[in-house]
């Protein structure tokens, strides 16, 4: 027997399925999808809501949520940029213990679910203890991220990160000591331990990563990808900062994206985070490669990174998705709007994307976001796939008085989190009416961690 939802409308790639019935089995896997009710349903839950595929957050540093909003006091006469912000980040990274890291991540992940994310890629480099020594279980901190995801009810792709250097050709700094694997062999042992850690949660998967070209010896970057897993998604920061580009040129006579494209078989398995500062040739080659660019607009704006060449990239057929990185902002709709509006401000034209801009944003972010997580799917919702969805109130005044043709654009371009009726993961409400099913346990643990850290 199936559990059945009846939604006002459900979004597929080709448009809205009106009066949609979705039947799921005990594991939350869709077994029925139609505009008429199934005969075998025990009961039908009527949901007055517009249902979108749950969003994928393809780039997260969970511990940084503890410092969100704390780096916005800018002393007069002092330049404040990514590199000064990074010092504040190091101080945060050096103080959290495993219990606190888990509490912070659980709160963050619960908030992600509240705003419509159903899957997070945790780009995880806080590996060792406060003295920089490995834990008895190498992936102890990664395991805590998995446990946090379990508490929050979100799906997770754990991406242990290879972090080796303090910059191009430089030894690591003492304040980076919790991040460091000295060799690729050490990193692969961490990756193996992480593969064991994800077994504690049925909704956990694995990816692998090099932090960036500046953080790993270039020969080891090649070795890590070439000798690493052949089927897992590969993630890497690239060309986020102008200084990074200049330093890379000085170190190897190539720009970061140029080096990557010249030295690795960049393809659809690659997830290139930021990719902010790239030239014309790199842009064309990147789009042709099939790689996925992971954009983090709120963090990129907060850090003053720069603006990705989105309008040109899209015209070349480039793939992309979104992440929230340092978590200064979390609302996926705001991330979409920032992507679009920055291009409008730069070009003085409104048509960043051809045709239905909202449909393009949701469709592309969903498809490429799933690939970044290591998931294959054809449509937003389909039989044999889990029901992971964010439901927006269909009775909200502006939406309720809008045609189906303009419904998605109204949601994407005018919507805020107050319009969310809830988030469903594996066929069950994890958040409903702004209340998380496990919030009673997550919130006090987070508050305790913040009191102990004393950074706020």
Protein backbone atom coordinates (compact mmCIF):
# COMPACT_ATOMS: atom_id res chain seq x y z
CA UNK A 1 0.00 0.00 0.00
CA UNK A 2 1.16 3.49 -0.83
CA UNK A 3 1.22 6.72 1.08
CA UNK A 4 -0.16 9.35 -1.27
CA UNK A 5 0.15 13.12 -1.52
CA UNK A 6 -2.18 15.28 -3.57
CA UNK A 7 -0.44 18.53 -4.51
CA UNK A 8 -2.06 21.55 -6.12
CA UNK A 9 0.67 21.38 -8.76
CA UNK A 10 4.07 19.71 -9.14
CA UNK A 11 6.92 21.02 -11.28
CA UNK A 12 8.54 18.83 -13.91
CA UNK A 13 11.17 19.90 -16.45
CA UNK A 14 8.50 20.49 -19.07
CA UNK A 15 6.24 22.48 -16.77
CA UNK A 16 3.56 22.07 -14.12
CA UNK A 17 1.66 18.87 -13.51
CA UNK A 18 -1.65 20.17 -12.18
CA UNK A 19 -3.50 18.31 -9.42
CA UNK A 20 -0.63 15.87 -8.96
CA UNK A 21 -0.95 12.63 -7.02
CA UNK A 22 2.35 11.17 -5.80
CA UNK A 23 2.38 7.74 -4.16
CA UNK A 24 5.44 6.62 -2.21
CA UNK A 25 6.39 3.33 -0.59
CA UNK A 26 7.69 2.87 2.95
CA UNK A 27 11.16 4.09 1.91
CA UNK A 28 9.79 7.24 0.30
CA UNK A 29 10.39 6.03 -3.26
CA UNK A 30 7.87 7.24 -5.82
CA UNK A 31 5.74 4.38 -7.11
CA UNK A 32 2.90 6.42 -8.59
CA UNK A 33 2.77 9.82 -10.31
CA UNK A 34 -0.36 11.00 -12.08
CA UNK A 35 -3.24 13.47 -12.11
CA UNK A 36 -5.67 10.85 -10.83
CA UNK A 37 -5.49 9.10 -7.45
CA UNK A 38 -4.09 5.55 -7.23
CA UNK A 39 -6.42 2.73 -6.28
CA UNK A 40 -4.03 1.27 -3.72
CA UNK A 41 -3.42 4.30 -1.48
CA UNK A 42 -4.25 3.89 2.20
CA UNK A 43 -5.02 7.59 2.51
CA UNK A 44 -4.42 10.73 0.52
CA UNK A 45 -2.85 13.76 2.17
CA UNK A 46 -4.13 16.88 0.46
CA UNK A 47 -1.47 19.58 0.26
CA UNK A 48 -2.46 23.06 -0.88
CA UNK A 49 0.95 23.72 -2.28
CA UNK A 50 3.13 24.16 -5.33
CA UNK A 51 5.81 21.48 -5.27
CA UNK A 52 9.33 21.97 -6.60
CA UNK A 53 12.21 19.49 -6.54
CA UNK A 54 14.24 19.87 -3.35
CA UNK A 55 17.28 22.04 -3.95
CA UNK A 56 20.86 20.75 -3.82
CA UNK A 57 23.42 22.75 -1.86
CA UNK A 58 26.58 21.77 -3.70
CA UNK A 59 29.17 23.58 -1.57
CA UNK A 60 29.19 23.82 2.21
CA UNK A 61 31.79 24.50 4.90
CA UNK A 62 29.52 23.76 7.86
CA UNK A 63 31.77 25.04 10.67
CA UNK A 64 31.80 28.51 9.10
CA UNK A 65 28.12 28.92 10.02
CA UNK A 66 29.39 29.63 13.54
CA UNK A 67 30.99 32.86 12.27
CA UNK A 68 28.25 34.03 9.90
CA UNK A 69 27.82 37.78 10.37
CA UNK A 70 30.91 38.18 12.56
CA UNK A 71 33.31 39.58 9.97
CA UNK A 72 31.36 42.70 9.03
CA UNK A 73 33.11 45.28 11.24
CA UNK A 74 35.64 47.00 8.98
CA UNK A 75 38.14 49.28 10.76
CA UNK A 76 38.76 52.61 9.05
CA UNK A 77 41.90 52.77 6.97
CA UNK A 78 42.36 48.98 6.80
CA UNK A 79 41.73 46.98 3.63
CA UNK A 80 39.39 44.07 4.29
CA UNK A 81 39.21 41.37 1.63
CA UNK A 82 39.09 37.59 1.23
CA UNK A 83 42.55 37.17 2.71
CA UNK A 84 41.79 39.11 5.89
CA UNK A 85 38.45 37.30 6.22
CA UNK A 86 40.36 34.04 5.95
CA UNK A 87 42.26 34.86 9.15
CA UNK A 88 38.97 35.15 11.02
CA UNK A 89 37.90 31.83 9.52
CA UNK A 90 41.09 30.17 10.76
CA UNK A 91 40.35 31.34 14.30
CA UNK A 92 36.90 29.75 14.11
CA UNK A 93 38.34 26.52 12.71
CA UNK A 94 40.86 26.23 15.52
CA UNK A 95 38.37 26.28 18.40
CA UNK A 96 35.57 23.82 17.58
CA UNK A 97 35.70 20.29 18.95
CA UNK A 98 33.82 17.35 17.39
CA UNK A 99 30.69 17.78 19.52
CA UNK A 100 30.52 21.48 18.72
CA UNK A 101 31.17 20.90 15.02
CA UNK A 102 28.31 18.42 14.92
CA UNK A 103 25.96 20.78 16.75
CA UNK A 104 26.80 23.65 14.39
CA UNK A 105 26.35 21.47 11.31
CA UNK A 106 23.05 20.03 12.54
CA UNK A 107 21.64 23.53 13.08
CA UNK A 108 22.89 24.67 9.69
CA UNK A 109 21.52 21.62 7.92
CA UNK A 110 18.16 22.00 9.65
CA UNK A 111 18.02 25.58 8.37
CA UNK A 112 18.91 24.36 4.89
CA UNK A 113 15.96 21.97 5.00
CA UNK A 114 13.70 24.77 6.23
CA UNK A 115 14.51 26.87 3.16
CA UNK A 116 14.12 23.99 0.70
CA UNK A 117 17.44 22.18 0.39
CA UNK A 118 17.16 18.40 0.57
CA UNK A 119 20.80 17.45 -0.12
CA UNK A 120 24.11 19.06 0.85
CA UNK A 121 27.66 18.50 -0.40
CA UNK A 122 29.92 19.04 2.60
CA UNK A 123 33.31 20.22 1.30
CA UNK A 124 35.03 19.05 4.44
CA UNK A 125 38.59 19.99 5.43
CA UNK A 126 38.41 20.33 9.23
CA UNK A 127 40.02 16.92 9.68
CA UNK A 128 42.29 16.88 12.73
CA UNK A 129 42.22 17.85 16.40
CA UNK A 130 43.09 21.33 17.68
CA UNK A 131 46.80 20.46 17.75
CA UNK A 132 46.71 19.21 14.18
CA UNK A 133 46.96 15.55 15.14
CA UNK A 134 44.78 12.92 13.42
CA UNK A 135 41.95 11.46 15.45
CA UNK A 136 42.04 7.74 16.24
CA UNK A 137 39.32 7.43 13.63
CA UNK A 138 40.78 9.46 10.77
CA UNK A 139 37.35 10.60 9.57
CA UNK A 140 36.03 11.50 13.03
CA UNK A 141 35.06 15.02 11.98
CA UNK A 142 33.57 13.77 8.71
CA UNK A 143 31.54 11.26 10.69
CA UNK A 144 30.23 14.16 12.76
CA UNK A 145 29.03 15.87 9.58
CA UNK A 146 27.20 12.68 8.63
CA UNK A 147 25.65 12.44 12.09
CA UNK A 148 24.58 16.09 11.84
CA UNK A 149 22.90 15.39 8.51
CA UNK A 150 21.11 12.44 10.08
CA UNK A 151 19.84 14.68 12.90
CA UNK A 152 18.65 17.30 10.43
CA UNK A 153 17.12 14.73 8.07
CA UNK A 154 19.01 16.07 5.05
CA UNK A 155 20.89 13.94 2.53
CA UNK A 156 24.64 14.47 2.45
CA UNK A 157 27.50 13.89 0.06
CA UNK A 158 30.60 13.98 2.25
CA UNK A 159 33.57 15.35 0.33
CA UNK A 160 36.80 14.97 2.32
CA UNK A 161 39.25 17.55 1.03
CA UNK A 162 42.97 17.17 0.32
CA UNK A 163 44.67 20.25 1.83
CA UNK A 164 48.48 20.20 1.89
CA UNK A 165 50.06 23.63 1.34
CA UNK A 166 49.87 27.19 2.63
CA UNK A 167 49.91 28.59 -0.90
CA UNK A 168 51.67 27.91 -4.20
CA UNK A 169 54.99 26.31 -3.22
CA UNK A 170 54.56 27.26 0.44
CA UNK A 171 54.48 25.09 3.52
CA UNK A 172 51.23 25.13 5.51
CA UNK A 173 50.78 27.76 8.19
CA UNK A 174 50.30 26.71 11.84
CA UNK A 175 46.70 27.97 11.81
CA UNK A 176 45.94 25.56 8.96
CA UNK A 177 47.10 22.58 11.01
CA UNK A 178 43.66 20.99 11.32
CA UNK A 179 43.31 20.75 7.54
CA UNK A 180 46.57 19.15 6.47
CA UNK A 181 47.37 15.82 4.83
CA UNK A 182 51.09 15.80 4.02
CA UNK A 183 50.86 13.35 1.11
CA UNK A 184 48.33 11.95 -1.30
CA UNK A 185 48.72 8.61 0.47
CA UNK A 186 47.59 10.23 3.72
CA UNK A 187 44.65 11.73 1.88
CA UNK A 188 43.59 8.39 0.38
CA UNK A 189 43.65 6.85 3.86
CA UNK A 190 41.35 9.66 5.01
CA UNK A 191 39.11 9.01 2.02
CA UNK A 192 38.93 5.31 2.90
CA UNK A 193 38.00 6.21 6.48
CA UNK A 194 35.35 8.58 5.17
CA UNK A 195 33.90 5.77 3.06
CA UNK A 196 33.40 3.85 6.29
CA UNK A 197 31.92 6.89 8.05
CA UNK A 198 29.10 7.31 5.56
CA UNK A 199 27.90 3.77 6.25
CA UNK A 200 26.31 5.06 9.45
CA UNK A 201 23.61 6.90 7.45
CA UNK A 202 21.59 5.48 4.59
CA UNK A 203 21.26 8.93 3.01
CA UNK A 204 25.01 9.61 2.87
CA UNK A 205 27.24 9.40 -0.18
CA UNK A 206 30.88 10.15 -0.92
CA UNK A 207 32.79 12.48 -3.19
CA UNK A 208 36.47 13.44 -3.27
CA UNK A 209 38.38 16.64 -3.63
CA UNK A 210 41.49 18.73 -3.82
CA UNK A 211 40.94 22.03 -2.04
CA UNK A 212 42.56 24.16 -4.76
CA UNK A 213 45.68 24.39 -6.87
CA UNK A 214 47.26 26.68 -4.25
CA UNK A 215 46.59 24.18 -1.45
CA UNK A 216 48.13 21.04 -3.01
CA UNK A 217 51.35 20.44 -4.93
CA UNK A 218 50.45 20.42 -8.62
CA UNK A 219 51.88 16.95 -9.19
CA UNK A 220 49.78 15.67 -6.29
CA UNK A 221 46.70 17.32 -7.76
CA UNK A 222 47.15 15.17 -10.86
CA UNK A 223 47.91 12.05 -8.87
CA UNK A 224 44.90 12.52 -6.61
CA UNK A 225 42.45 12.77 -9.46
CA UNK A 226 44.05 10.12 -11.67
CA UNK A 227 44.44 7.55 -8.87
CA UNK A 228 41.25 8.48 -7.06
CA UNK A 229 37.83 6.82 -7.40
CA UNK A 230 36.65 6.57 -11.00
CA UNK A 231 32.93 7.05 -10.40
CA UNK A 232 32.68 9.65 -7.63
CA UNK A 233 32.17 13.38 -8.25
CA UNK A 234 35.36 15.45 -7.94
CA UNK A 235 35.23 18.95 -6.42
CA UNK A 236 37.85 21.73 -6.37
CA UNK A 237 38.00 25.48 -5.75
CA UNK A 238 39.42 27.31 -8.75
CA UNK A 239 40.22 30.93 -9.63
CA UNK A 240 38.19 32.46 -6.80
CA UNK A 241 40.51 35.43 -6.24
CA UNK A 242 42.63 37.67 -8.49
CA UNK A 243 45.61 37.15 -6.18
CA UNK A 244 45.20 33.40 -6.63
CA UNK A 245 45.41 33.84 -10.41
CA UNK A 246 48.51 36.04 -10.13
CA UNK A 247 50.20 33.64 -7.71
CA UNK A 248 49.45 30.69 -9.99
CA UNK A 249 50.95 32.50 -12.99
CA UNK A 250 54.07 33.26 -10.99
CA UNK A 251 54.35 29.65 -9.80
CA UNK A 252 53.76 27.69 -13.02
CA UNK A 253 53.28 30.26 -15.82
CA UNK A 254 49.62 29.32 -16.19
CA UNK A 255 46.36 30.64 -14.83
CA UNK A 256 44.48 28.23 -12.50
CA UNK A 257 41.71 27.31 -14.92
CA UNK A 258 44.21 27.07 -17.76
CA UNK A 259 46.41 24.70 -15.76
CA UNK A 260 43.44 22.56 -14.79
CA UNK A 261 42.18 22.25 -18.37
CA UNK A 262 45.67 21.56 -19.70
CA UNK A 263 46.65 18.95 -17.12
CA UNK A 264 43.52 17.02 -16.17
CA UNK A 265 40.81 15.35 -18.22
CA UNK A 266 38.20 17.87 -17.13
CA UNK A 267 34.76 16.38 -17.79
CA UNK A 268 31.28 16.06 -16.33
CA UNK A 269 32.65 14.55 -13.09
CA UNK A 270 34.33 17.87 -12.24
CA UNK A 271 32.64 20.42 -9.98
CA UNK A 272 34.62 23.65 -10.15
CA UNK A 273 33.72 25.94 -7.29
CA UNK A 274 33.57 29.70 -8.02
CA UNK A 275 35.60 29.84 -11.29
CA UNK A 276 35.33 33.60 -10.91
CA UNK A 277 38.34 34.92 -12.79
CA UNK A 278 38.63 33.19 -16.17
CA UNK A 279 39.57 34.54 -19.58
CA UNK A 280 37.85 34.10 -22.95
CA UNK A 281 39.67 30.92 -23.94
CA UNK A 282 39.15 29.31 -20.55
CA UNK A 283 35.45 30.15 -20.66
CA UNK A 284 34.98 28.40 -24.00
CA UNK A 285 37.00 25.35 -22.99
CA UNK A 286 35.22 25.12 -19.64
CA UNK A 287 31.79 25.12 -21.25
CA UNK A 288 32.84 22.49 -23.79
CA UNK A 289 34.29 20.21 -21.10
CA UNK A 290 30.88 19.41 -19.58
CA UNK A 291 32.18 20.30 -16.12
CA UNK A 292 29.86 21.84 -13.58
CA UNK A 293 30.59 25.27 -12.07
CA UNK A 294 29.39 25.60 -8.48
CA UNK A 295 28.36 29.19 -7.86
CA UNK A 296 27.96 30.55 -4.31
CA UNK A 297 26.58 34.05 -4.95
CA UNK A 298 25.92 35.20 -1.38
CA UNK A 299 29.38 34.15 -0.18
CA UNK A 300 31.12 35.39 -3.34
CA UNK A 301 29.45 38.75 -2.83
CA UNK A 302 30.22 38.84 0.87
CA UNK A 303 33.90 38.08 0.29
CA UNK A 304 34.25 40.43 -2.67
CA UNK A 305 35.40 37.58 -4.90
CA UNK A 306 34.07 38.96 -8.18
CA UNK A 307 31.37 37.99 -10.65
CA UNK A 308 31.34 34.84 -12.75
CA UNK A 309 30.76 35.35 -16.49
CA UNK A 310 27.36 33.70 -16.35
CA UNK A 311 25.61 35.18 -19.37
CA UNK A 312 28.42 34.21 -21.75
CA UNK A 313 28.84 30.80 -20.12
CA UNK A 314 25.17 29.93 -20.48
CA UNK A 315 25.17 30.88 -24.15
CA UNK A 316 28.04 28.42 -24.62
CA UNK A 317 25.96 25.67 -23.03
CA UNK A 318 27.87 25.61 -19.73
CA UNK A 319 26.59 23.66 -16.72
CA UNK A 320 26.27 25.08 -13.21
CA UNK A 321 24.59 24.72 -9.82
CA UNK A 322 24.56 26.54 -6.48
CA UNK A 323 26.04 26.26 -3.00
CA UNK A 324 26.09 28.46 0.08
CA UNK A 325 29.76 28.02 1.04
CA UNK A 326 30.24 30.14 4.22
CA UNK A 327 26.47 30.35 4.80
CA UNK A 328 26.18 34.11 5.13
CA UNK A 329 22.99 33.52 3.13
CA UNK A 330 20.92 30.35 2.72
CA UNK A 331 17.80 31.05 0.64
CA UNK A 332 18.20 29.32 -2.78
CA UNK A 333 15.82 31.77 -4.44
CA UNK A 334 18.07 34.64 -3.39
CA UNK A 335 21.05 32.81 -4.84
CA UNK A 336 19.22 32.54 -8.17
CA UNK A 337 18.29 36.21 -8.14
CA UNK A 338 21.84 37.29 -7.33
CA UNK A 339 23.16 35.24 -10.23
CA UNK A 340 20.75 36.93 -12.63
CA UNK A 341 20.78 40.48 -11.27
CA UNK A 342 24.56 40.81 -11.21
CA UNK A 343 24.62 40.05 -14.92
CA UNK A 344 21.89 42.62 -15.53
CA UNK A 345 23.86 45.25 -13.65
CA UNK A 346 27.00 44.47 -15.64
CA UNK A 347 25.38 44.31 -19.08
CA UNK A 348 22.51 46.78 -18.62
CA UNK A 349 20.26 44.15 -20.20
CA UNK A 350 17.58 42.07 -18.52
CA UNK A 351 17.81 38.91 -20.62
CA UNK A 352 20.58 37.02 -18.86
CA UNK A 353 18.84 33.80 -19.91
CA UNK A 354 16.80 33.23 -23.05
CA UNK A 355 13.17 32.20 -22.67
CA UNK A 356 11.67 31.38 -19.27
CA UNK A 357 14.44 32.47 -16.90
CA UNK A 358 12.90 30.93 -13.77
CA UNK A 359 12.44 27.54 -15.45
CA UNK A 360 16.00 27.61 -16.70
CA UNK A 361 17.37 28.46 -13.24
CA UNK A 362 15.46 25.70 -11.45
CA UNK A 363 15.99 23.07 -14.14
CA UNK A 364 19.72 23.62 -14.54
CA UNK A 365 20.47 23.99 -10.82
CA UNK A 366 18.53 20.79 -10.13
CA UNK A 367 20.10 18.68 -12.87
CA UNK A 368 23.68 19.80 -12.33
CA UNK A 369 23.24 19.94 -8.56
CA UNK A 370 22.23 16.28 -8.52
CA UNK A 371 25.29 15.37 -10.59
CA UNK A 372 27.48 17.24 -8.11
CA UNK A 373 26.04 15.01 -5.40
CA UNK A 374 26.64 11.85 -7.40
CA UNK A 375 22.98 11.29 -8.29
CA UNK A 376 21.56 10.41 -11.69
CA UNK A 377 17.98 11.41 -12.51
CA UNK A 378 16.03 12.23 -15.66
CA UNK A 379 13.18 14.43 -14.45
CA UNK A 380 12.50 16.39 -11.28
CA UNK A 381 10.14 13.70 -10.04
CA UNK A 382 9.97 10.17 -11.43
CA UNK A 383 8.94 6.67 -10.48
CA UNK A 384 11.76 4.83 -8.80
CA UNK A 385 13.29 7.99 -7.33
CA UNK A 386 12.76 9.37 -3.80
CA UNK A 387 10.21 12.10 -3.19
CA UNK A 388 12.43 15.04 -2.20
CA UNK A 389 10.55 18.30 -2.52
CA UNK A 390 10.04 21.83 -1.26
CA UNK A 391 6.41 22.92 -1.14
CA UNK A 392 5.39 26.56 -1.51
CA UNK A 393 2.02 27.81 -0.33
CA UNK A 394 -0.35 27.95 -3.27
CA UNK A 395 -2.60 30.37 -1.38
CA UNK A 396 0.01 33.12 -1.00
CA UNK A 397 -1.68 36.22 -2.40
CA UNK A 398 0.57 36.90 -5.39
CA UNK A 399 0.92 33.25 -6.38
CA UNK A 400 -2.78 32.47 -5.91
CA UNK A 401 -3.67 35.15 -8.45
CA UNK A 402 -1.10 34.16 -11.06
CA UNK A 403 -1.53 31.93 -14.11
CA UNK A 404 0.36 28.65 -14.44
CA UNK A 405 2.47 30.28 -17.15
CA UNK A 406 3.83 32.90 -14.75
CA UNK A 407 3.69 30.85 -11.56
CA UNK A 408 7.32 29.72 -11.39
CA UNK A 409 8.72 33.15 -12.22
CA UNK A 410 6.54 34.62 -9.49
CA UNK A 411 7.94 32.11 -6.99
CA UNK A 412 11.56 32.52 -8.03
CA UNK A 413 11.67 36.29 -8.48
CA UNK A 414 9.34 37.44 -5.67
CA UNK A 415 9.42 34.54 -3.21
CA UNK A 416 10.90 34.39 0.27
CA UNK A 417 11.08 31.65 2.85
CA UNK A 418 7.81 32.70 4.49
CA UNK A 419 5.97 31.18 1.52
CA UNK A 420 7.36 27.69 2.17
CA UNK A 421 4.77 25.26 3.50
CA UNK A 422 7.41 22.63 4.19
CA UNK A 423 10.11 20.32 2.92
CA UNK A 424 9.69 16.60 2.19
CA UNK A 425 12.64 14.18 2.12
CA UNK A 426 12.16 10.52 1.26
CA UNK A 427 8.41 11.01 1.24
CA UNK A 428 8.18 12.46 4.77
CA UNK A 429 7.78 15.98 6.07
CA UNK A 430 11.05 17.01 7.72
CA UNK A 431 9.98 20.63 8.06
CA UNK A 432 6.34 21.69 8.08
CA UNK A 433 4.98 25.17 8.74
CA UNK A 434 8.55 26.34 9.57
CA UNK A 435 8.95 23.70 12.32
CA UNK A 436 11.70 21.09 12.03
CA UNK A 437 10.78 17.64 13.29
CA UNK A 438 13.97 17.47 15.39
CA UNK A 439 14.36 21.14 16.22
CA UNK A 440 13.72 20.53 19.92
CA UNK A 441 17.04 18.67 20.12
CA UNK A 442 19.06 20.56 17.52
CA UNK A 443 18.52 24.10 18.82
CA UNK A 444 19.66 23.55 22.44
CA UNK A 445 22.79 21.70 21.29
CA UNK A 446 23.65 24.56 18.95
CA UNK A 447 23.09 27.14 21.68
CA UNK A 448 25.36 25.16 24.01
CA UNK A 449 28.09 25.00 21.38
CA UNK A 450 27.89 28.76 20.81
CA UNK A 451 28.16 29.44 24.55
CA UNK A 452 31.25 27.25 24.72
CA UNK A 453 32.95 28.70 21.66
CA UNK A 454 32.29 32.29 22.84
CA UNK A 455 32.97 33.84 19.45
CA UNK A 456 29.64 35.61 19.06
